[in-house]
Amino acid sequence: MKKLAIPQPVAEAIGALRDGWLNMPPSSLLDTLLMANLFAPVDSPLGIKEPLPSRSESALDFVLDEETLQDILREADRTARSMGEALLV
């Protein structure tokens, strides 16, 4: 990661992914990366091989109801699509 000039805090969060626990409420970069592994529509490029819990067994269920979670995922999808469209210009 040093050869890629990844900042130390980011490298530490990536390194902690394999044994990381998602804190509630999410408050760190590690929490963000763990949530991305749960909800991203593609597999992690970081080689995380541990089986992840299904979304219905996520710790987020204690914080968000299913309707709110679906709203967040739809908004994230719209944002990702608009960012992709901007790259095609």
C-alpha atoms as a PDB file:
ATOM      1  CA  MET A   1       0.000   0.000   0.000  1.00  0.00           C
ATOM      2  CA  LYS A   2       2.988   2.286   0.484  1.00  0.00           C
ATOM      3  CA  LYS A   3       3.885   1.943  -3.207  1.00  0.00           C
ATOM      4  CA  LEU A   4       0.365   3.086  -4.063  1.00  0.00           C
ATOM      5  CA  ALA A   5       0.770   6.070  -1.689  1.00  0.00           C
ATOM      6  CA  ILE A   6      -2.351   5.104   0.236  1.00  0.00           C
ATOM      7  CA  PRO A   7      -2.600   7.294   3.351  1.00  0.00           C
ATOM      8  CA  GLN A   8      -1.849   5.458   6.602  1.00  0.00           C
ATOM      9  CA  PRO A   9      -5.394   5.781   8.075  1.00  0.00           C
ATOM     10  CA  VAL A  10      -6.888   4.333   4.877  1.00  0.00           C
ATOM     11  CA  ALA A  11      -4.337   1.506   4.792  1.00  0.00           C
ATOM     12  CA  GLU A  12      -5.143   0.660   8.423  1.00  0.00           C
ATOM     13  CA  ALA A  13      -8.890   0.568   7.703  1.00  0.00           C
ATOM     14  CA  ILE A  14      -8.339  -1.694   4.691  1.00  0.00           C
ATOM     15  CA  GLY A  15      -6.081  -3.961   6.743  1.00  0.00           C
ATOM     16  CA  ALA A  16      -8.705  -4.223   9.491  1.00  0.00           C
ATOM     17  CA  LEU A  17     -11.472  -5.322   7.099  1.00  0.00           C
ATOM     18  CA  ARG A  18     -10.924  -9.055   7.552  1.00  0.00           C
ATOM     19  CA  ASP A  19     -11.505  -8.980  11.309  1.00  0.00           C
ATOM     20  CA  GLY A  20     -13.512  -5.760  11.530  1.00  0.00           C
ATOM     21  CA  TRP A  21     -16.813  -5.288  13.318  1.00  0.00           C
ATOM     22  CA  LEU A  22     -19.398  -2.774  12.218  1.00  0.00           C
ATOM     23  CA  ASN A  23     -20.021  -0.235  14.985  1.00  0.00           C
ATOM     24  CA  MET A  24     -23.445   1.221  15.543  1.00  0.00           C
ATOM     25  CA  PRO A  25     -23.807   3.933  14.679  1.00  0.00           C
ATOM     26  CA  PRO A  26     -21.142   3.720  11.973  1.00  0.00           C
ATOM     27  CA  SER A  27     -18.447   6.284  12.754  1.00  0.00           C
ATOM     28  CA  SER A  28     -15.187   5.381  11.028  1.00  0.00           C
ATOM     29  CA  LEU A  29     -13.716   4.616   7.644  1.00  0.00           C
ATOM     30  CA  LEU A  30     -13.624   0.939   8.621  1.00  0.00           C
ATOM     31  CA  ASP A  31     -17.371   1.073   9.321  1.00  0.00           C
ATOM     32  CA  THR A  32     -17.914   2.665   5.900  1.00  0.00           C
ATOM     33  CA  LEU A  33     -15.890  -0.056   4.169  1.00  0.00           C
ATOM     34  CA  LEU A  34     -17.733  -2.804   6.065  1.00  0.00           C
ATOM     35  CA  MET A  35     -21.083  -1.288   5.068  1.00  0.00           C
ATOM     36  CA  ALA A  36     -19.928  -1.053   1.464  1.00  0.00           C
ATOM     37  CA  ASN A  37     -19.135  -4.773   1.543  1.00  0.00           C
ATOM     38  CA  LEU A  38     -22.668  -5.461   2.756  1.00  0.00           C
ATOM     39  CA  PHE A  39     -24.570  -3.231   0.370  1.00  0.00           C
ATOM     40  CA  ALA A  40     -22.480  -2.719  -2.768  1.00  0.00           C
ATOM     41  CA  PRO A  41     -23.880  -4.450  -5.848  1.00  0.00           C
ATOM     42  CA  VAL A  42     -20.394  -5.810  -6.708  1.00  0.00           C
ATOM     43  CA  ASP A  43     -17.900  -7.883  -4.736  1.00  0.00           C
ATOM     44  CA  SER A  44     -15.104  -6.122  -2.892  1.00  0.00           C
ATOM     45  CA  PRO A  45     -11.957  -5.635  -4.985  1.00  0.00           C
ATOM     46  CA  LEU A  46      -9.938  -6.015  -1.777  1.00  0.00           C
ATOM     47  CA  GLY A  47     -10.192  -9.786  -1.765  1.00  0.00           C
ATOM     48  CA  ILE A  48     -12.418 -10.134   1.294  1.00  0.00           C
ATOM     49  CA  LYS A  49     -13.365 -13.804   1.280  1.00  0.00           C
ATOM     50  CA  GLU A  50     -15.284 -14.054   4.538  1.00  0.00           C
ATOM     51  CA  PRO A  51     -18.970 -14.759   3.976  1.00  0.00           C
ATOM     52  CA  LEU A  52     -20.942 -11.658   4.819  1.00  0.00           C
ATOM     53  CA  PRO A  53     -24.279 -11.772   6.614  1.00  0.00           C
ATOM     54  CA  SER A  54     -27.320 -11.247   4.454  1.00  0.00           C
ATOM     55  CA  ARG A  55     -28.778  -7.780   4.476  1.00  0.00           C
ATOM     56  CA  SER A  56     -31.640  -8.998   6.617  1.00  0.00           C
ATOM     57  CA  GLU A  57     -29.121 -10.039   9.295  1.00  0.00           C
ATOM     58  CA  SER A  58     -27.217  -6.756   9.199  1.00  0.00           C
ATOM     59  CA  ALA A  59     -26.482  -4.738  12.322  1.00  0.00           C
ATOM     60  CA  LEU A  60     -28.117  -1.836  10.511  1.00  0.00           C
ATOM     61  CA  ASP A  61     -31.477  -3.474  11.150  1.00  0.00           C
ATOM     62  CA  PHE A  62     -31.200  -2.203  14.702  1.00  0.00           C
ATOM     63  CA  VAL A  63     -30.825   1.387  13.463  1.00  0.00           C
ATOM     64  CA  LEU A  64     -32.827   1.556  10.228  1.00  0.00           C
ATOM     65  CA  ASP A  65     -36.088   0.006   9.199  1.00  0.00           C
ATOM     66  CA  GLU A  66     -36.275  -1.733   5.814  1.00  0.00           C
ATOM     67  CA  GLU A  67     -38.108   1.153   4.115  1.00  0.00           C
ATOM     68  CA  THR A  68     -35.459   3.697   5.180  1.00  0.00           C
ATOM     69  CA  LEU A  69     -32.679   1.364   4.115  1.00  0.00           C
ATOM     70  CA  GLN A  70     -34.279   0.889   0.681  1.00  0.00           C
ATOM     71  CA  ASP A  71     -34.610   4.677   0.312  1.00  0.00           C
ATOM     72  CA  ILE A  72     -30.891   5.074   1.087  1.00  0.00           C
ATOM     73  CA  LEU A  73     -29.944   2.343  -1.399  1.00  0.00           C
ATOM     74  CA  ARG A  74     -32.121   3.907  -4.132  1.00  0.00           C
ATOM     75  CA  GLU A  75     -30.557   7.322  -3.509  1.00  0.00           C
ATOM     76  CA  ALA A  76     -27.058   5.812  -3.621  1.00  0.00           C
ATOM     77  CA  ASP A  77     -27.920   4.083  -6.906  1.00  0.00           C
ATOM     78  CA  ARG A  78     -29.168   7.356  -8.426  1.00  0.00           C
ATOM     79  CA  THR A  79     -26.009   9.138  -7.267  1.00  0.00           C
ATOM     80  CA  ALA A  80     -23.739   6.433  -8.688  1.00  0.00           C
ATOM     81  CA  ARG A  81     -25.586   6.484 -12.018  1.00  0.00           C
ATOM     82  CA  SER A  82     -25.386  10.273 -12.299  1.00  0.00           C
ATOM     83  CA  MET A  83     -21.673  10.194 -11.539  1.00  0.00           C
ATOM     84  CA  GLY A  84     -21.207   7.528 -14.219  1.00  0.00           C
ATOM     85  CA  GLU A  85     -23.201   9.558 -16.733  1.00  0.00           C
ATOM     86  CA  ALA A  86     -20.996  12.576 -16.060  1.00  0.00           C
ATOM     87  CA  LEU A  87     -17.953  10.490 -17.000  1.00  0.00           C
ATOM     88  CA  LEU A  88     -19.504   9.614 -20.361  1.00  0.00           C
ATOM     89  CA  VAL A  89     -19.754  13.260 -21.452  1.00  0.00           C
END
